[in-house]
């Protein structure tokens, strides 16, 4: 039995669901729905991509019980049972390559038409789907980006990464004559390599913060929200008692207001698996008593909740999602701190050499 990826909390629950339904194949969305119904505490926003990636990774391992159903788009999975399947199913790695490659020729066609203008993976996806609607499936941007990145690293594909871009932009560069592989490849400058490493570090930090926030109890999450908003507004956080708070989880007193007239009300909801609804916003507006307020959630807001906040009057209500909260924590150094390592990039001083 292979070891589950350390960054996944979904492997064992997914395997349990697949085992219970084997040999019936299940799509990623079906697996997620079944897992969330049984384990609602595991939910987080937009987890389809992470689950798909982990299932594909596990299906490629030789000893894995998880197999990919042959020829399915999007991929469907099942658990192999020796008593049920007399023949060894086609290895997932081969099928994955086929699934990922269905976008290659359409993408190459689009890139050739726009060359040498660079296009982002999102732009390529939109144009490919517009021309080939039969290729569409839910959340196809991720597979297209992965396919483009994979193709750009191989010789003779014609797909090249444009330097200094994160996320990547691609363009088609036709090889000339018998040019070597090295001359056909656009080398990334050191600045781009450093930039990509920095972005990977930030992405890892965001993932760790998301895991910590998802594990918080409601009261600590309220205290966190108060301190983040206080740091943004250069104010002082005041936590309200857990019970009898009147619908307000905290206040932020603005330092630049010595009379204390500028006080912001804070509401924080630690939700896993569902978004803040309009009635939550209505209750918060009623508790503000004509103050301005900030509503913070670990998840997201429904469309009606956003509309309710937009039309609030005379109060002004600002909404902060879980992803935005994490970005604010990193930007304003709440719960994170800088390391003692500083990297400086030097470049050639052309003026110096011109004056020799």
Protein backbone atom coordinates (compact mmCIF):
# COMPACT_ATOMS: atom_id res chain seq x y z
CA UNK A 1 0.00 0.00 0.00
CA UNK A 2 1.56 3.35 -0.99
CA UNK A 3 1.91 6.12 1.50
CA UNK A 4 -0.64 8.92 1.14
CA UNK A 5 0.81 12.32 0.15
CA UNK A 6 1.62 14.40 3.22
CA UNK A 7 -0.28 17.40 1.85
CA UNK A 8 -3.54 15.47 1.46
CA UNK A 9 -6.21 14.84 4.05
CA UNK A 10 -8.40 13.26 1.41
CA UNK A 11 -6.60 10.05 0.41
CA UNK A 12 -7.97 7.68 3.05
CA UNK A 13 -11.56 9.05 2.89
CA UNK A 14 -11.47 8.87 -0.94
CA UNK A 15 -10.12 5.33 -0.81
CA UNK A 16 -12.87 4.39 1.63
CA UNK A 17 -15.57 5.79 -0.67
CA UNK A 18 -14.07 4.14 -3.76
CA UNK A 19 -13.76 0.81 -1.95
CA UNK A 20 -17.40 0.97 -0.87
CA UNK A 21 -18.53 1.63 -4.46
CA UNK A 22 -16.05 -0.65 -6.26
CA UNK A 23 -16.07 -1.76 -9.01
CA UNK A 24 -18.28 1.16 -10.07
CA UNK A 25 -16.15 4.05 -11.32
CA UNK A 26 -16.72 7.48 -9.78
CA UNK A 27 -15.90 10.97 -11.03
CA UNK A 28 -13.96 13.45 -8.88
CA UNK A 29 -17.06 15.53 -8.14
CA UNK A 30 -18.96 12.40 -7.06
CA UNK A 31 -16.10 11.35 -4.78
CA UNK A 32 -15.88 14.81 -3.21
CA UNK A 33 -19.65 14.94 -2.62
CA UNK A 34 -19.61 11.51 -0.95
CA UNK A 35 -16.57 12.38 1.19
CA UNK A 36 -18.05 15.71 2.29
CA UNK A 37 -21.33 14.09 3.26
CA UNK A 38 -19.49 11.59 5.44
CA UNK A 39 -16.68 13.89 6.65
CA UNK A 40 -17.95 17.52 6.48
CA UNK A 41 -15.03 18.74 8.60
CA UNK A 42 -12.61 18.01 5.72
CA UNK A 43 -14.15 20.50 3.32
CA UNK A 44 -12.40 23.59 2.01
CA UNK A 45 -13.01 25.98 -0.87
CA UNK A 46 -12.36 24.69 -4.43
CA UNK A 47 -10.86 21.35 -3.40
CA UNK A 48 -11.64 19.55 -6.68
CA UNK A 49 -8.23 20.30 -8.16
CA UNK A 50 -6.32 19.05 -5.11
CA UNK A 51 -8.36 15.85 -4.91
CA UNK A 52 -7.96 15.18 -8.64
CA UNK A 53 -4.20 15.74 -8.44
CA UNK A 54 -3.80 13.39 -5.47
CA UNK A 55 -5.96 10.67 -7.02
CA UNK A 56 -4.02 10.87 -10.29
CA UNK A 57 -0.74 10.72 -8.36
CA UNK A 58 -1.85 7.69 -6.37
CA UNK A 59 -3.23 5.96 -9.48
CA UNK A 60 0.20 6.16 -11.11
CA UNK A 61 1.88 4.19 -8.30
CA UNK A 62 2.34 0.49 -9.17
CA UNK A 63 1.07 -0.82 -5.80
CA UNK A 64 -1.85 1.58 -5.54
CA UNK A 65 -5.36 0.06 -5.31
CA UNK A 66 -6.73 3.16 -7.03
CA UNK A 67 -7.10 2.77 -10.80
CA UNK A 68 -8.13 5.21 -13.48
CA UNK A 69 -11.06 4.18 -15.64
CA UNK A 70 -9.77 3.94 -19.19
CA UNK A 71 -10.76 6.62 -21.67
CA UNK A 72 -12.78 8.83 -19.32
CA UNK A 73 -12.80 12.62 -19.58
CA UNK A 74 -12.87 13.95 -16.90
CA UNK A 75 -11.11 11.04 -15.17
CA UNK A 76 -13.12 8.50 -13.20
CA UNK A 77 -11.57 6.23 -10.58
CA UNK A 78 -12.27 2.85 -9.04
CA UNK A 79 -10.56 0.41 -6.67
CA UNK A 80 -9.04 -2.63 -8.32
CA UNK A 81 -10.30 -5.94 -6.95
CA UNK A 82 -8.45 -9.08 -8.01
CA UNK A 83 -11.60 -11.19 -7.71
CA UNK A 84 -13.56 -8.81 -9.91
CA UNK A 85 -11.08 -7.94 -12.66
CA UNK A 86 -9.48 -10.90 -14.40
CA UNK A 87 -7.30 -8.73 -16.64
CA UNK A 88 -4.90 -6.08 -15.43
CA UNK A 89 -6.44 -2.69 -16.30
CA UNK A 90 -4.47 -0.32 -18.45
CA UNK A 91 -1.93 1.54 -16.33
CA UNK A 92 -3.13 4.94 -15.22
CA UNK A 93 0.05 6.66 -16.35
CA UNK A 94 -0.72 5.85 -20.00
CA UNK A 95 -4.33 6.98 -19.68
CA UNK A 96 -3.33 10.17 -17.89
CA UNK A 97 -0.98 10.98 -20.73
CA UNK A 98 -3.82 10.49 -23.21
CA UNK A 99 -6.21 12.65 -21.21
CA UNK A 100 -3.70 15.46 -20.77
CA UNK A 101 -2.76 15.36 -24.47
CA UNK A 102 -6.25 15.98 -25.83
CA UNK A 103 -5.57 19.69 -25.48
CA UNK A 104 -2.10 19.67 -27.05
CA UNK A 105 -2.95 20.06 -30.76
CA UNK A 106 -5.76 22.62 -30.15
CA UNK A 107 -3.45 24.64 -27.88
CA UNK A 108 -0.63 24.48 -30.42
CA UNK A 109 -3.02 25.69 -33.13
CA UNK A 110 -4.03 28.71 -31.01
CA UNK A 111 -0.44 29.55 -30.06
CA UNK A 112 0.73 29.37 -33.70
CA UNK A 113 -1.95 31.83 -34.79
CA UNK A 114 -0.98 34.32 -32.08
CA UNK A 115 2.82 33.87 -32.32
CA UNK A 116 5.01 35.60 -31.36
CA UNK A 117 2.47 37.18 -28.99
CA UNK A 118 2.47 35.38 -25.63
CA UNK A 119 -0.74 34.03 -24.12
CA UNK A 120 -1.56 32.97 -20.57
CA UNK A 121 -2.86 29.48 -19.86
CA UNK A 122 -6.24 31.04 -19.04
CA UNK A 123 -6.38 32.82 -22.42
CA UNK A 124 -5.40 29.63 -24.23
CA UNK A 125 -8.07 27.70 -22.35
CA UNK A 126 -10.84 30.18 -23.21
CA UNK A 127 -10.02 30.15 -26.93
CA UNK A 128 -9.61 26.37 -27.10
CA UNK A 129 -12.97 25.79 -25.39
CA UNK A 130 -14.65 28.37 -27.65
CA UNK A 131 -13.42 26.52 -30.75
CA UNK A 132 -13.70 22.98 -29.40
CA UNK A 133 -16.61 22.86 -26.94
CA UNK A 134 -16.53 19.06 -27.07
CA UNK A 135 -13.21 19.14 -25.18
CA UNK A 136 -14.56 21.11 -22.24
CA UNK A 137 -14.81 19.76 -18.74
CA UNK A 138 -15.09 21.44 -15.34
CA UNK A 139 -11.99 23.31 -14.14
CA UNK A 140 -10.01 22.66 -17.33
CA UNK A 141 -7.55 25.50 -16.77
CA UNK A 142 -5.43 23.37 -14.42
CA UNK A 143 -4.97 20.44 -16.85
CA UNK A 144 -4.23 22.86 -19.71
CA UNK A 145 -1.58 24.71 -17.68
CA UNK A 146 -0.02 21.40 -16.62
CA UNK A 147 -0.01 20.16 -20.22
CA UNK A 148 1.55 23.40 -21.52
CA UNK A 149 4.23 23.38 -18.82
CA UNK A 150 5.02 19.74 -19.56
CA UNK A 151 5.17 20.35 -23.32
CA UNK A 152 7.37 23.44 -22.93
CA UNK A 153 10.00 21.35 -21.14
CA UNK A 154 10.33 18.85 -24.02
CA UNK A 155 12.25 19.19 -27.27
CA UNK A 156 10.45 19.76 -30.54
CA UNK A 157 7.05 20.73 -29.13
CA UNK A 158 7.25 24.34 -30.31
CA UNK A 159 5.69 25.56 -27.07
CA UNK A 160 7.96 27.83 -25.08
CA UNK A 161 7.57 29.74 -21.85
CA UNK A 162 7.88 33.50 -21.99
CA UNK A 163 10.52 34.68 -19.47
CA UNK A 164 9.64 36.88 -16.51
CA UNK A 165 6.03 35.72 -16.22
CA UNK A 166 4.26 34.23 -13.21
CA UNK A 167 1.80 32.61 -13.79
CA UNK A 168 3.32 31.45 -17.07
CA UNK A 169 2.58 32.91 -20.47
CA UNK A 170 3.31 30.73 -23.51
CA UNK A 171 4.11 31.32 -27.17
CA UNK A 172 4.92 29.15 -30.19
CA UNK A 173 8.47 29.33 -31.50
CA UNK A 174 9.13 27.39 -34.70
CA UNK A 175 12.60 25.74 -34.74
CA UNK A 176 14.80 26.95 -37.60
CA UNK A 177 16.76 24.42 -39.66
CA UNK A 178 18.97 22.10 -37.67
CA UNK A 179 19.19 24.35 -34.67
CA UNK A 180 20.21 22.58 -31.51
CA UNK A 181 17.81 22.01 -28.65
CA UNK A 182 19.71 24.57 -26.62
CA UNK A 183 19.26 27.30 -29.24
CA UNK A 184 15.55 26.51 -29.55
CA UNK A 185 14.93 26.90 -25.82
CA UNK A 186 14.20 30.22 -24.16
CA UNK A 187 16.33 30.20 -21.03
CA UNK A 188 14.81 31.68 -17.93
CA UNK A 189 16.93 34.51 -16.46
CA UNK A 190 18.06 34.31 -12.83
CA UNK A 191 15.48 36.95 -11.87
CA UNK A 192 12.66 34.71 -13.12
CA UNK A 193 14.06 31.66 -11.32
CA UNK A 194 14.28 33.68 -8.09
CA UNK A 195 10.79 35.03 -8.69
CA UNK A 196 9.36 31.54 -9.21
CA UNK A 197 11.11 30.29 -6.07
CA UNK A 198 9.68 33.24 -4.14
CA UNK A 199 6.19 32.55 -5.47
CA UNK A 200 6.49 28.87 -4.50
CA UNK A 201 7.50 29.95 -0.99
CA UNK A 202 4.49 32.26 -0.71
CA UNK A 203 2.16 29.55 -2.05
CA UNK A 204 3.51 27.12 0.54
CA UNK A 205 3.03 29.72 3.28
CA UNK A 206 -0.57 30.31 2.15
CA UNK A 207 -1.25 26.56 2.24
CA UNK A 208 0.13 26.26 5.76
CA UNK A 209 -1.89 29.25 6.96
CA UNK A 210 -5.01 27.76 5.38
CA UNK A 211 -4.43 24.50 7.25
CA UNK A 212 -3.95 26.37 10.55
CA UNK A 213 -7.05 28.53 10.03
CA UNK A 214 -9.20 25.53 9.10
CA UNK A 215 -8.18 23.91 12.39
CA UNK A 216 -9.04 26.91 14.61
CA UNK A 217 -11.99 26.95 16.97
CA UNK A 218 -14.52 29.79 16.48
CA UNK A 219 -13.27 31.98 19.38
CA UNK A 220 -9.56 31.94 18.37
CA UNK A 221 -10.65 32.66 14.79
CA UNK A 222 -12.59 35.72 16.03
CA UNK A 223 -9.49 36.95 17.88
CA UNK A 224 -7.39 36.41 14.74
CA UNK A 225 -9.87 38.37 12.59
CA UNK A 226 -9.88 41.26 15.08
CA UNK A 227 -6.09 41.48 15.11
CA UNK A 228 -5.74 41.34 11.33
CA UNK A 229 -8.30 44.11 10.78
CA UNK A 230 -6.70 46.18 13.57
CA UNK A 231 -3.31 45.83 11.89
CA UNK A 232 -4.72 46.90 8.51
CA UNK A 233 -6.41 49.99 10.03
CA UNK A 234 -3.52 50.86 12.38
CA UNK A 235 -5.93 50.44 15.26
CA UNK A 236 -6.37 48.52 18.50
CA UNK A 237 -8.38 45.30 18.70
CA UNK A 238 -10.98 44.75 21.41
CA UNK A 239 -12.39 41.23 21.81
CA UNK A 240 -15.96 40.85 23.02
CA UNK A 241 -17.02 38.06 25.43
CA UNK A 242 -17.83 34.73 23.75
CA UNK A 243 -21.45 34.96 24.95
CA UNK A 244 -23.69 37.99 25.11
CA UNK A 245 -21.68 39.89 22.51
CA UNK A 246 -24.78 41.36 20.87
CA UNK A 247 -23.85 40.00 17.47
CA UNK A 248 -20.44 41.70 17.41
CA UNK A 249 -17.29 39.60 17.83
CA UNK A 250 -14.96 42.54 18.37
CA UNK A 251 -14.20 46.20 17.80
CA UNK A 252 -11.26 48.01 16.25
CA UNK A 253 -10.47 51.46 17.65
CA UNK A 254 -8.65 53.67 15.16
CA UNK A 255 -5.53 55.22 16.73
CA UNK A 256 -5.76 58.43 14.70
CA UNK A 257 -9.12 59.17 16.35
CA UNK A 258 -8.30 60.32 19.93
CA UNK A 259 -12.00 60.87 20.77
CA UNK A 260 -12.85 57.27 20.01
CA UNK A 261 -15.61 58.15 17.55
CA UNK A 262 -14.24 55.94 14.80
CA UNK A 263 -14.94 52.39 15.99
CA UNK A 264 -15.31 49.49 13.57
CA UNK A 265 -17.46 46.47 14.42
CA UNK A 266 -16.08 43.02 13.54
CA UNK A 267 -17.99 39.81 12.86
CA UNK A 268 -16.09 36.56 12.24
CA UNK A 269 -17.57 33.24 11.10
CA UNK A 270 -15.43 30.10 11.00
CA UNK A 271 -17.17 28.03 8.35
CA UNK A 272 -15.97 24.81 6.75
CA UNK A 273 -18.06 23.55 3.89
CA UNK A 274 -20.50 26.41 3.34
CA UNK A 275 -20.45 30.13 2.66
CA UNK A 276 -21.85 33.06 4.63
CA UNK A 277 -25.48 33.70 3.67
CA UNK A 278 -27.51 36.91 3.42
CA UNK A 279 -29.24 36.43 6.78
CA UNK A 280 -25.82 36.46 8.50
CA UNK A 281 -25.12 39.83 6.90
CA UNK A 282 -28.55 41.17 7.89
CA UNK A 283 -28.01 40.20 11.54
CA UNK A 284 -24.57 41.82 11.52
CA UNK A 285 -25.92 45.07 10.05
CA UNK A 286 -28.60 45.16 12.75
CA UNK A 287 -25.99 44.71 15.49
CA UNK A 288 -23.74 47.50 14.15
CA UNK A 289 -26.16 50.28 15.18
CA UNK A 290 -25.05 52.57 12.32
CA UNK A 291 -21.34 51.81 12.75
CA UNK A 292 -19.18 50.63 9.89
CA UNK A 293 -18.26 46.95 10.01
CA UNK A 294 -16.04 44.23 8.62
CA UNK A 295 -17.36 40.68 8.19
CA UNK A 296 -14.59 38.06 8.09
CA UNK A 297 -15.06 34.39 7.22
CA UNK A 298 -12.73 31.44 6.77
CA UNK A 299 -14.78 30.45 3.69
CA UNK A 300 -16.56 32.78 1.21
CA UNK A 301 -19.81 34.72 0.76
CA UNK A 302 -22.87 33.81 -1.28
CA UNK A 303 -23.99 36.13 -4.07
CA UNK A 304 -26.98 37.31 -2.03
CA UNK A 305 -24.75 37.97 0.98
CA UNK A 306 -22.48 40.17 -1.14
CA UNK A 307 -25.49 42.06 -2.47
CA UNK A 308 -26.83 42.55 1.07
CA UNK A 309 -23.51 44.06 2.14
CA UNK A 310 -23.37 46.27 -0.96
CA UNK A 311 -26.75 47.91 -0.35
CA UNK A 312 -26.25 48.34 3.42
CA UNK A 313 -26.99 51.92 4.51
CA UNK A 314 -26.08 54.05 6.41
CA UNK A 315 -23.60 51.41 7.58
CA UNK A 316 -20.72 50.41 5.30
CA UNK A 317 -19.94 46.68 5.47
CA UNK A 318 -16.69 45.28 4.06
CA UNK A 319 -16.45 41.53 3.37
CA UNK A 320 -13.21 39.58 3.82
CA UNK A 321 -12.96 35.98 2.57
CA UNK A 322 -10.65 33.32 3.97
CA UNK A 323 -8.21 33.69 1.05
CA UNK A 324 -8.18 37.48 1.46
CA UNK A 325 -7.59 37.09 5.20
CA UNK A 326 -4.53 34.94 4.48
CA UNK A 327 -3.18 37.54 2.04
CA UNK A 328 -3.67 40.28 4.64
CA UNK A 329 -1.87 38.16 7.26
CA UNK A 330 1.15 37.78 4.98
CA UNK A 331 1.17 41.43 3.87
CA UNK A 332 0.79 42.88 7.36
CA UNK A 333 2.85 40.22 9.18
CA UNK A 334 0.11 38.84 11.44
CA UNK A 335 0.96 35.30 12.51
CA UNK A 336 3.98 35.29 10.18
CA UNK A 337 7.42 36.88 10.39
CA UNK A 338 10.31 37.50 8.03
CA UNK A 339 13.23 35.10 8.10
CA UNK A 340 16.77 36.32 8.71
CA UNK A 341 17.81 35.45 5.14
CA UNK A 342 18.03 38.27 2.59
CA UNK A 343 18.92 37.67 -1.07
CA UNK A 344 20.12 40.51 -3.30
CA UNK A 345 20.32 40.08 -7.08
CA UNK A 346 23.16 41.92 -8.84
CA UNK A 347 23.39 42.74 -12.54
CA UNK A 348 26.08 43.99 -14.91
CA UNK A 349 26.81 47.72 -14.65
CA UNK A 350 27.00 48.52 -18.37
CA UNK A 351 27.77 52.20 -17.73
CA UNK A 352 30.87 51.23 -15.77
CA UNK A 353 32.27 49.16 -18.65
CA UNK A 354 31.35 51.81 -21.24
CA UNK A 355 33.42 54.39 -19.36
CA UNK A 356 36.59 52.27 -19.10
